[in-house]
Amino acid sequence: MAETQKGIGAHLGGHLRENGMILALLAIVLFFTVIVGMQGVDFLSAQNITNLFLQNSYVIIMALGMLLVIVAGHIDLSVGSVVGFTGAVAAVLTVNMDWPVWAVIPACLAIGAAIGAAQGYWIAYWRIPSFIVTLAGMLVFRGLTLWLLNGQNIGPFPKSFQSLSTGFIPDLFGDADQALLGMERLNGTAVLVVVLAALIIVWLGWRARARDAAFGVTPEPSLMFAIRNIVVAAALIFVGYKLATFRGLPNVVIVLSVLTVLYAFFTESTTAGRRIYALGGNEKAAKLSGIKTEKLVFLTFVNMGVLAALAGMIVAARLNSSTPKAGAGFELDVIAAVFIGGASMTGGSGKIIGVVVGALIMGVMNNGMSILGIGIDYQQVIKGLVLLAAVIFDVYNKNK
């Protein structure tokens, strides 16, 4: 028993950052559930959970790309302006020029890739600091957005474009009358997808544990493994059940889930992903080992541009118009989500799951404080202090 407790303690200590973020998210959700509940509002209602995903989808999408940029040892301050610019391009193509949605989406993604390539070229091959290049990009694309929109809003978008953000996955099981079974009406597709996702997460965790044991790596203690998977699966099923009682799974949730899985696989199970971490850890050593560091840096910024363009279209679809101020300050939320999620400010470390948790922490805080009626001024102060605490925690761990 003592050995088991020692093993759990050692594991928690060795994974303090990622375990701490999950516990922090649960604590923040519990805090707002209690405080908001005192005002007669259900913080975990189906509608509020749905709004939480719809309001913060752009942060999570861009945070996935920002993690790779930060892991590589760089920063991108232009993503908010790129969101506004690509949203403006989508509005001009869709509303003013009557382009079909199936043509607008790849066109905007290509523009985002071109923007990322233009910035990545100067950073990777000319060695100009990313802070300077992307700061210039922030100003350039904010100005281009104002020019393209001529200082006015453009909208509304057709329903097909709005579905990028506000659409929901249809229930493939139709409108079967579940009242005959004494059950409330549930979206069967949402329930099925979430249960399968929970089973897949548990299976992948078990497979990773078995793989570690096969290679002689000390596995996670059995009790800790069971508790973590039970908590994650239960939380996922609870959220899925809530969504199933409302309108089902939003389209953006499916997009986020697919992107999260793809980026988690890329960073943890591919050679290119591991090389990005090696680049951020020690660029000179990575280059001497044969890694094409310039190419990797260039591609991380191309990837960031594509995700910023996708986020721009989702934001425009949600607002149902493109505005000159769209994307203002988004880069701060995205960068904060990455650092809160456990990424190191010096590069070389950070996980996709941590970034998603960090973005959810930011989203839950924004949502909870808004429901409580806390002013935007105090919200900014609180978020700034949380970000500072996350960075101090990172520095403390490294010094320790």
Protein backbone atom coordinates (compact mmCIF):
# COMPACT_ATOMS: atom_id res chain seq x y z
CA MET A 1 0.00 0.00 0.00
CA ALA A 2 2.85 2.36 0.92
CA GLU A 3 4.58 1.58 -2.38
CA THR A 4 1.33 2.35 -4.26
CA GLN A 5 0.97 5.69 -2.49
CA LYS A 6 4.62 6.46 -3.20
CA GLY A 7 4.11 5.61 -6.87
CA ILE A 8 1.05 7.83 -7.13
CA GLY A 9 2.85 10.67 -5.37
CA ALA A 10 5.86 10.37 -7.66
CA HIS A 11 3.62 10.32 -10.74
CA LEU A 12 1.68 13.39 -9.61
CA GLY A 13 4.93 15.20 -8.89
CA GLY A 14 6.40 14.29 -12.25
CA HIS A 15 3.25 15.36 -14.08
CA LEU A 16 2.38 18.31 -11.87
CA ARG A 17 1.77 20.72 -14.73
CA GLU A 18 -0.73 18.67 -16.75
CA ASN A 19 -2.48 17.23 -13.70
CA GLY A 20 -2.63 20.69 -12.15
CA MET A 21 -4.36 22.15 -15.21
CA ILE A 22 -7.07 19.48 -15.22
CA LEU A 23 -7.68 19.95 -11.51
CA ALA A 24 -7.76 23.73 -12.00
CA LEU A 25 -10.40 23.38 -14.74
CA LEU A 26 -12.56 21.15 -12.54
CA ALA A 27 -12.17 23.54 -9.61
CA ILE A 28 -13.11 26.59 -11.71
CA VAL A 29 -16.18 24.81 -13.13
CA LEU A 30 -17.25 23.77 -9.62
CA PHE A 31 -16.68 27.31 -8.32
CA PHE A 32 -18.85 28.95 -10.97
CA THR A 33 -21.48 26.22 -10.69
CA VAL A 34 -21.91 27.01 -7.00
CA ILE A 35 -21.61 30.81 -7.22
CA VAL A 36 -23.84 31.16 -10.29
CA GLY A 37 -26.28 28.65 -8.83
CA MET A 38 -26.77 30.97 -5.86
CA GLN A 39 -28.25 33.45 -8.32
CA GLY A 40 -30.70 30.87 -9.62
CA VAL A 41 -28.77 30.19 -12.85
CA ASP A 42 -27.75 26.70 -13.97
CA PHE A 43 -24.12 27.10 -15.06
CA LEU A 44 -24.05 23.55 -16.46
CA SER A 45 -27.26 23.88 -18.44
CA ALA A 46 -27.28 22.47 -21.96
CA GLN A 47 -27.67 25.92 -23.48
CA ASN A 48 -24.76 27.41 -21.53
CA ILE A 49 -22.45 24.48 -22.36
CA THR A 50 -23.36 24.89 -26.02
CA ASN A 51 -22.65 28.63 -25.84
CA LEU A 52 -19.34 27.89 -24.15
CA PHE A 53 -18.18 25.88 -27.17
CA LEU A 54 -19.59 28.31 -29.71
CA GLN A 55 -18.01 31.34 -28.02
CA ASN A 56 -14.56 29.82 -27.57
CA SER A 57 -14.11 27.62 -30.62
CA TYR A 58 -11.83 30.14 -32.31
CA VAL A 59 -9.50 30.22 -29.28
CA ILE A 60 -9.07 26.45 -29.24
CA ILE A 61 -8.54 26.25 -33.01
CA MET A 62 -5.84 28.90 -33.05
CA ALA A 63 -4.27 27.64 -29.82
CA LEU A 64 -3.51 24.32 -31.54
CA GLY A 65 -1.39 26.14 -34.11
CA MET A 66 0.05 28.62 -31.61
CA LEU A 67 1.35 25.73 -29.52
CA LEU A 68 3.54 24.55 -32.41
CA VAL A 69 4.81 28.11 -32.95
CA ILE A 70 5.65 28.55 -29.27
CA VAL A 71 7.16 25.06 -28.95
CA ALA A 72 9.44 25.97 -31.86
CA GLY A 73 10.60 28.99 -29.85
CA HIS A 74 8.62 31.73 -31.62
CA ILE A 75 5.43 33.79 -31.22
CA ASP A 76 2.70 35.03 -33.56
CA LEU A 77 1.05 38.34 -32.67
CA SER A 78 -0.79 38.70 -35.98
CA VAL A 79 -3.42 35.97 -35.59
CA GLY A 80 -6.17 38.34 -34.43
CA SER A 81 -5.66 40.59 -37.44
CA VAL A 82 -5.53 37.57 -39.77
CA VAL A 83 -8.88 36.45 -38.30
CA GLY A 84 -10.39 39.83 -39.12
CA PHE A 85 -8.85 39.96 -42.61
CA THR A 86 -9.89 36.45 -43.69
CA GLY A 87 -13.37 37.03 -42.29
CA ALA A 88 -13.55 40.20 -44.41
CA VAL A 89 -12.38 38.29 -47.49
CA ALA A 90 -15.03 35.64 -46.86
CA ALA A 91 -17.69 38.36 -46.60
CA VAL A 92 -16.63 40.04 -49.82
CA LEU A 93 -16.52 36.75 -51.72
CA THR A 94 -19.79 35.41 -50.29
CA VAL A 95 -21.99 38.48 -49.96
CA ASN A 96 -20.64 40.89 -52.57
CA MET A 97 -19.43 38.46 -55.24
CA ASP A 98 -21.91 35.59 -54.66
CA TRP A 99 -19.26 32.88 -54.48
CA PRO A 100 -20.55 29.49 -53.31
CA VAL A 101 -19.50 28.40 -49.83
CA TRP A 102 -17.63 25.36 -51.16
CA ALA A 103 -15.32 27.74 -53.06
CA VAL A 104 -15.01 30.41 -50.34
CA ILE A 105 -13.71 28.06 -47.66
CA PRO A 106 -10.65 26.72 -49.55
CA ALA A 107 -9.96 30.20 -50.95
CA CYS A 108 -9.79 31.71 -47.46
CA LEU A 109 -7.69 28.81 -46.16
CA ALA A 110 -5.27 29.35 -49.06
CA ILE A 111 -5.06 33.06 -48.20
CA GLY A 112 -4.30 32.15 -44.59
CA ALA A 113 -1.56 29.78 -45.74
CA ALA A 114 -0.08 32.51 -47.96
CA ILE A 115 -0.05 34.96 -45.04
CA GLY A 116 1.65 32.40 -42.81
CA ALA A 117 4.17 31.62 -45.55
CA ALA A 118 4.98 35.32 -46.06
CA GLN A 119 5.67 35.81 -42.37
CA GLY A 120 7.36 32.46 -41.90
CA TYR A 121 9.77 33.16 -44.76
CA TRP A 122 11.28 36.22 -43.07
CA ILE A 123 11.39 34.50 -39.70
CA ALA A 124 12.83 31.17 -40.83
CA TYR A 125 15.22 32.13 -43.63
CA TRP A 126 16.14 35.74 -42.80
CA ARG A 127 16.27 35.18 -39.04
CA ILE A 128 14.17 38.26 -38.32
CA PRO A 129 12.63 37.90 -34.80
CA SER A 130 9.10 36.56 -34.97
CA PHE A 131 7.95 39.23 -32.52
CA ILE A 132 8.86 41.97 -35.01
CA VAL A 133 7.56 40.23 -38.14
CA THR A 134 4.20 39.29 -36.65
CA LEU A 135 3.82 42.66 -34.94
CA ALA A 136 4.20 44.20 -38.39
CA GLY A 137 1.69 41.65 -39.70
CA MET A 138 -0.76 42.65 -36.98
CA LEU A 139 -0.68 46.25 -38.19
CA VAL A 140 -0.67 45.40 -41.90
CA PHE A 141 -3.65 43.04 -41.86
CA ARG A 142 -5.65 45.21 -39.50
CA GLY A 143 -5.19 48.04 -41.99
CA LEU A 144 -6.08 45.79 -44.93
CA THR A 145 -9.26 44.73 -43.14
CA LEU A 146 -10.32 48.34 -42.72
CA TRP A 147 -9.53 49.00 -46.39
CA LEU A 148 -11.35 45.92 -47.66
CA LEU A 149 -14.49 46.61 -45.63
CA ASN A 150 -14.27 50.36 -46.17
CA GLY A 151 -14.97 50.80 -42.46
CA GLN A 152 -18.39 49.11 -42.70
CA ASN A 153 -19.93 45.78 -41.79
CA ILE A 154 -20.70 43.28 -44.55
CA GLY A 155 -23.46 40.72 -44.09
CA PRO A 156 -25.61 38.79 -43.59
CA PHE A 157 -24.19 35.46 -44.76
CA PRO A 158 -26.25 32.67 -46.32
CA LYS A 159 -27.38 29.87 -44.02
CA SER A 160 -24.86 27.46 -45.49
CA PHE A 161 -21.99 29.70 -44.40
CA GLN A 162 -23.52 30.41 -40.97
CA SER A 163 -23.61 26.66 -40.33
CA LEU A 164 -19.82 26.73 -39.97
CA SER A 165 -20.36 28.11 -36.48
CA THR A 166 -24.03 27.92 -35.56
CA GLY A 167 -24.96 24.65 -37.29
CA PHE A 168 -25.59 21.34 -35.52
CA ILE A 169 -25.07 17.72 -36.55
CA PRO A 170 -28.51 16.28 -37.49
CA ASP A 171 -29.89 13.37 -35.52
CA LEU A 172 -29.45 10.32 -37.73
CA PHE A 173 -31.95 8.40 -35.62
CA GLY A 174 -34.82 10.70 -36.53
CA ASP A 175 -37.63 11.67 -34.20
CA ALA A 176 -38.31 8.39 -32.47
CA ASP A 177 -40.73 8.86 -29.60
CA GLN A 178 -38.64 8.10 -26.52
CA ALA A 179 -41.47 9.18 -24.23
CA LEU A 180 -42.87 5.65 -24.61
CA LEU A 181 -39.83 4.44 -22.68
CA GLY A 182 -40.18 7.11 -20.02
CA MET A 183 -37.19 9.04 -21.37
CA GLU A 184 -36.78 12.65 -22.31
CA ARG A 185 -36.10 13.43 -25.96
CA LEU A 186 -32.38 12.98 -26.66
CA ASN A 187 -30.32 13.50 -29.78
CA GLY A 188 -29.32 9.90 -30.45
CA THR A 189 -26.40 10.81 -32.69
CA ALA A 190 -24.86 13.03 -30.00
CA VAL A 191 -25.19 10.27 -27.38
CA LEU A 192 -23.66 7.65 -29.67
CA VAL A 193 -20.72 9.86 -30.72
CA VAL A 194 -19.87 10.87 -27.17
CA VAL A 195 -20.04 7.32 -25.79
CA LEU A 196 -17.81 6.08 -28.61
CA ALA A 197 -15.40 8.96 -27.97
CA ALA A 198 -15.21 8.06 -24.26
CA LEU A 199 -14.51 4.41 -25.09
CA ILE A 200 -11.83 5.39 -27.61
CA ILE A 201 -10.10 7.64 -25.07
CA VAL A 202 -10.01 4.83 -22.51
CA TRP A 203 -8.75 2.37 -25.12
CA LEU A 204 -6.01 4.72 -26.32
CA GLY A 205 -4.93 5.30 -22.73
CA TRP A 206 -4.77 1.56 -22.08
CA ARG A 207 -2.83 1.04 -25.31
CA ALA A 208 -0.31 3.77 -24.43
CA ARG A 209 0.12 2.25 -20.97
CA ALA A 210 0.76 -1.18 -22.46
CA ARG A 211 3.24 0.29 -24.95
CA ASP A 212 5.17 2.03 -22.17
CA ALA A 213 5.36 -1.22 -20.21
CA ALA A 214 6.61 -3.08 -23.31
CA PHE A 215 9.46 -0.59 -23.76
CA GLY A 216 10.44 -0.67 -20.10
CA VAL A 217 8.98 2.75 -19.27
CA THR A 218 7.51 2.99 -15.78
CA PRO A 219 3.76 3.05 -16.39
CA GLU A 220 1.27 5.29 -14.68
CA PRO A 221 0.06 3.71 -11.39
CA SER A 222 -3.03 1.58 -11.96
CA LEU A 223 -5.16 3.50 -9.47
CA MET A 224 -4.16 6.83 -11.00
CA PHE A 225 -4.86 5.50 -14.51
CA ALA A 226 -8.31 4.29 -13.49
CA ILE A 227 -9.25 7.51 -11.69
CA ARG A 228 -8.09 9.74 -14.53
CA ASN A 229 -9.95 7.77 -17.21
CA ILE A 230 -13.13 7.52 -15.12
CA VAL A 231 -13.12 11.29 -14.52
CA VAL A 232 -12.43 12.15 -18.18
CA ALA A 233 -15.00 9.66 -19.52
CA ALA A 234 -17.63 10.77 -17.00
CA ALA A 235 -17.08 14.45 -17.80
CA LEU A 236 -17.27 13.76 -21.53
CA ILE A 237 -20.46 11.71 -21.24
CA PHE A 238 -22.03 14.36 -18.98
CA VAL A 239 -21.29 17.12 -21.50
CA GLY A 240 -22.53 14.93 -24.34
CA TYR A 241 -25.74 14.15 -22.47
CA LYS A 242 -26.35 17.84 -21.84
CA LEU A 243 -25.79 18.66 -25.52
CA ALA A 244 -28.09 15.78 -26.53
CA THR A 245 -30.93 17.29 -24.50
CA PHE A 246 -30.60 20.61 -26.34
CA ARG A 247 -29.77 20.68 -30.05
CA GLY A 248 -27.12 17.99 -30.29
CA LEU A 249 -23.48 18.37 -31.28
CA PRO A 250 -22.51 21.74 -32.80
CA ASN A 251 -20.51 21.54 -36.02
CA VAL A 252 -17.63 23.37 -34.37
CA VAL A 253 -17.36 20.66 -31.71
CA ILE A 254 -16.82 18.06 -34.42
CA VAL A 255 -14.21 20.31 -36.08
CA LEU A 256 -12.46 20.88 -32.75
CA SER A 257 -12.48 17.18 -31.91
CA VAL A 258 -11.01 16.16 -35.26
CA LEU A 259 -8.33 18.86 -35.13
CA THR A 260 -7.41 17.98 -31.55
CA VAL A 261 -6.97 14.30 -32.41
CA LEU A 262 -4.94 15.09 -35.54
CA TYR A 263 -2.63 17.55 -33.79
CA ALA A 264 -2.21 15.28 -30.76
CA PHE A 265 -1.22 12.45 -33.09
CA PHE A 266 1.13 14.74 -35.05
CA THR A 267 2.95 16.07 -32.01
CA GLU A 268 3.23 12.77 -30.14
CA SER A 269 3.51 10.08 -32.81
CA THR A 270 5.24 11.55 -35.87
CA THR A 271 8.87 12.33 -36.63
CA ALA A 272 8.07 15.88 -37.76
CA GLY A 273 6.21 16.58 -34.52
CA ARG A 274 9.08 15.38 -32.36
CA ARG A 275 11.51 17.43 -34.43
CA ILE A 276 9.57 20.61 -33.67
CA TYR A 277 10.05 19.91 -29.96
CA ALA A 278 13.74 19.24 -30.55
CA LEU A 279 13.98 22.53 -32.43
CA GLY A 280 12.44 24.46 -29.55
CA GLY A 281 14.57 22.67 -26.97
CA ASN A 282 17.91 23.39 -28.64
CA GLU A 283 17.95 24.77 -32.17
CA LYS A 284 21.72 24.40 -32.67
CA ALA A 285 21.72 20.78 -31.54
CA ALA A 286 18.70 20.05 -33.72
CA LYS A 287 20.40 21.55 -36.75
CA LEU A 288 23.62 19.64 -36.12
CA SER A 289 21.61 16.41 -35.92
CA GLY A 290 20.36 16.96 -39.48
CA ILE A 291 16.96 18.54 -38.80
CA LYS A 292 15.97 21.19 -41.35
CA THR A 293 15.09 23.79 -38.74
CA GLU A 294 14.29 26.58 -41.22
CA LYS A 295 11.74 24.44 -43.03
CA LEU A 296 10.05 23.42 -39.78
CA VAL A 297 9.76 27.04 -38.58
CA PHE A 298 8.38 28.06 -41.98
CA LEU A 299 5.75 25.30 -41.91
CA THR A 300 4.64 26.09 -38.36
CA PHE A 301 3.76 29.63 -39.47
CA VAL A 302 1.99 28.35 -42.60
CA ASN A 303 -0.05 26.06 -40.35
CA MET A 304 -0.81 28.97 -38.01
CA GLY A 305 -2.06 31.04 -40.93
CA VAL A 306 -4.42 28.28 -42.08
CA LEU A 307 -5.92 27.83 -38.60
CA ALA A 308 -6.29 31.61 -38.18
CA ALA A 309 -8.18 31.72 -41.50
CA LEU A 310 -10.46 28.90 -40.35
CA ALA A 311 -11.09 30.74 -37.09
CA GLY A 312 -11.79 33.92 -39.06
CA MET A 313 -14.54 32.23 -41.05
CA ILE A 314 -16.06 30.71 -37.91
CA VAL A 315 -16.09 34.09 -36.14
CA ALA A 316 -17.67 35.78 -39.17
CA ALA A 317 -20.28 33.01 -39.44
CA ARG A 318 -21.17 33.33 -35.77
CA LEU A 319 -21.53 37.11 -35.98
CA ASN A 320 -23.34 36.73 -39.33
CA SER A 321 -21.29 39.65 -40.64
CA SER A 322 -17.71 40.78 -41.06
CA THR A 323 -16.75 43.80 -38.98
CA PRO A 324 -13.62 46.02 -39.05
CA LYS A 325 -12.94 45.23 -35.38
CA ALA A 326 -13.31 41.45 -35.67
CA GLY A 327 -10.37 39.58 -34.13
CA ALA A 328 -9.16 42.50 -32.02
CA GLY A 329 -7.29 41.13 -29.02
CA PHE A 330 -7.77 37.49 -30.03
CA GLU A 331 -4.02 36.90 -30.07
CA LEU A 332 -3.88 37.65 -26.33
CA ASP A 333 -6.51 35.01 -25.48
CA VAL A 334 -4.82 32.45 -27.72
CA ILE A 335 -1.33 33.00 -26.33
CA ALA A 336 -2.69 33.02 -22.78
CA ALA A 337 -4.50 29.70 -23.40
CA VAL A 338 -1.26 28.10 -24.60
CA PHE A 339 0.76 29.24 -21.58
CA ILE A 340 -2.00 28.44 -19.10
CA GLY A 341 -2.21 25.01 -20.71
CA GLY A 342 1.36 24.27 -19.69
CA ALA A 343 3.53 25.30 -22.65
CA SER A 344 6.95 26.64 -21.73
CA MET A 345 7.71 30.24 -22.62
CA THR A 346 11.21 29.19 -23.70
CA GLY A 347 9.90 26.59 -26.17
CA GLY A 348 10.43 22.86 -26.39
CA SER A 349 7.54 21.69 -24.21
CA GLY A 350 3.75 21.68 -24.16
CA LYS A 351 0.94 19.28 -25.09
CA ILE A 352 -2.14 19.58 -27.25
CA ILE A 353 -4.45 18.34 -24.48
CA GLY A 354 -2.96 20.92 -22.13
CA VAL A 355 -3.68 23.66 -24.65
CA VAL A 356 -7.31 22.55 -25.00
CA VAL A 357 -7.65 22.55 -21.20
CA GLY A 358 -6.04 26.00 -21.04
CA ALA A 359 -8.45 27.36 -23.64
CA LEU A 360 -11.39 25.85 -21.75
CA ILE A 361 -10.16 27.47 -18.54
CA MET A 362 -10.14 30.84 -20.30
CA GLY A 363 -13.57 30.16 -21.79
CA VAL A 364 -15.14 29.04 -18.51
CA MET A 365 -13.72 32.10 -16.74
CA ASN A 366 -15.05 34.46 -19.42
CA ASN A 367 -18.45 32.78 -19.39
CA GLY A 368 -18.76 32.62 -15.62
CA MET A 369 -17.66 36.19 -15.03
CA SER A 370 -20.06 37.45 -17.71
CA ILE A 371 -22.98 35.62 -16.09
CA LEU A 372 -22.03 37.12 -12.73
CA GLY A 373 -22.05 40.57 -14.31
CA ILE A 374 -18.36 41.27 -13.67
CA GLY A 375 -17.20 44.21 -15.77
CA ILE A 376 -14.78 43.78 -18.65
CA ASP A 377 -12.20 45.82 -16.74
CA TYR A 378 -12.11 43.38 -13.84
CA GLN A 379 -12.23 40.43 -16.24
CA GLN A 380 -9.05 41.64 -17.94
CA VAL A 381 -7.31 42.05 -14.57
CA ILE A 382 -8.29 38.54 -13.45
CA LYS A 383 -7.21 36.91 -16.73
CA GLY A 384 -3.91 38.78 -16.60
CA LEU A 385 -3.24 37.52 -13.08
CA VAL A 386 -4.10 33.95 -14.09
CA LEU A 387 -1.65 34.16 -17.00
CA LEU A 388 1.06 35.57 -14.74
CA ALA A 389 0.45 32.77 -12.23
CA ALA A 390 0.80 30.15 -15.00
CA VAL A 391 4.14 31.59 -16.14
CA ILE A 392 5.43 31.85 -12.56
CA PHE A 393 4.40 28.22 -12.04
CA ASP A 394 6.36 27.24 -15.15
CA VAL A 395 9.49 29.09 -13.99
CA TYR A 396 9.17 27.63 -10.50
CA ASN A 397 8.99 24.09 -11.85
CA LYS A 398 12.07 24.60 -14.00
CA ASN A 399 14.10 26.09 -11.16
CA LYS A 400 13.00 23.29 -8.88
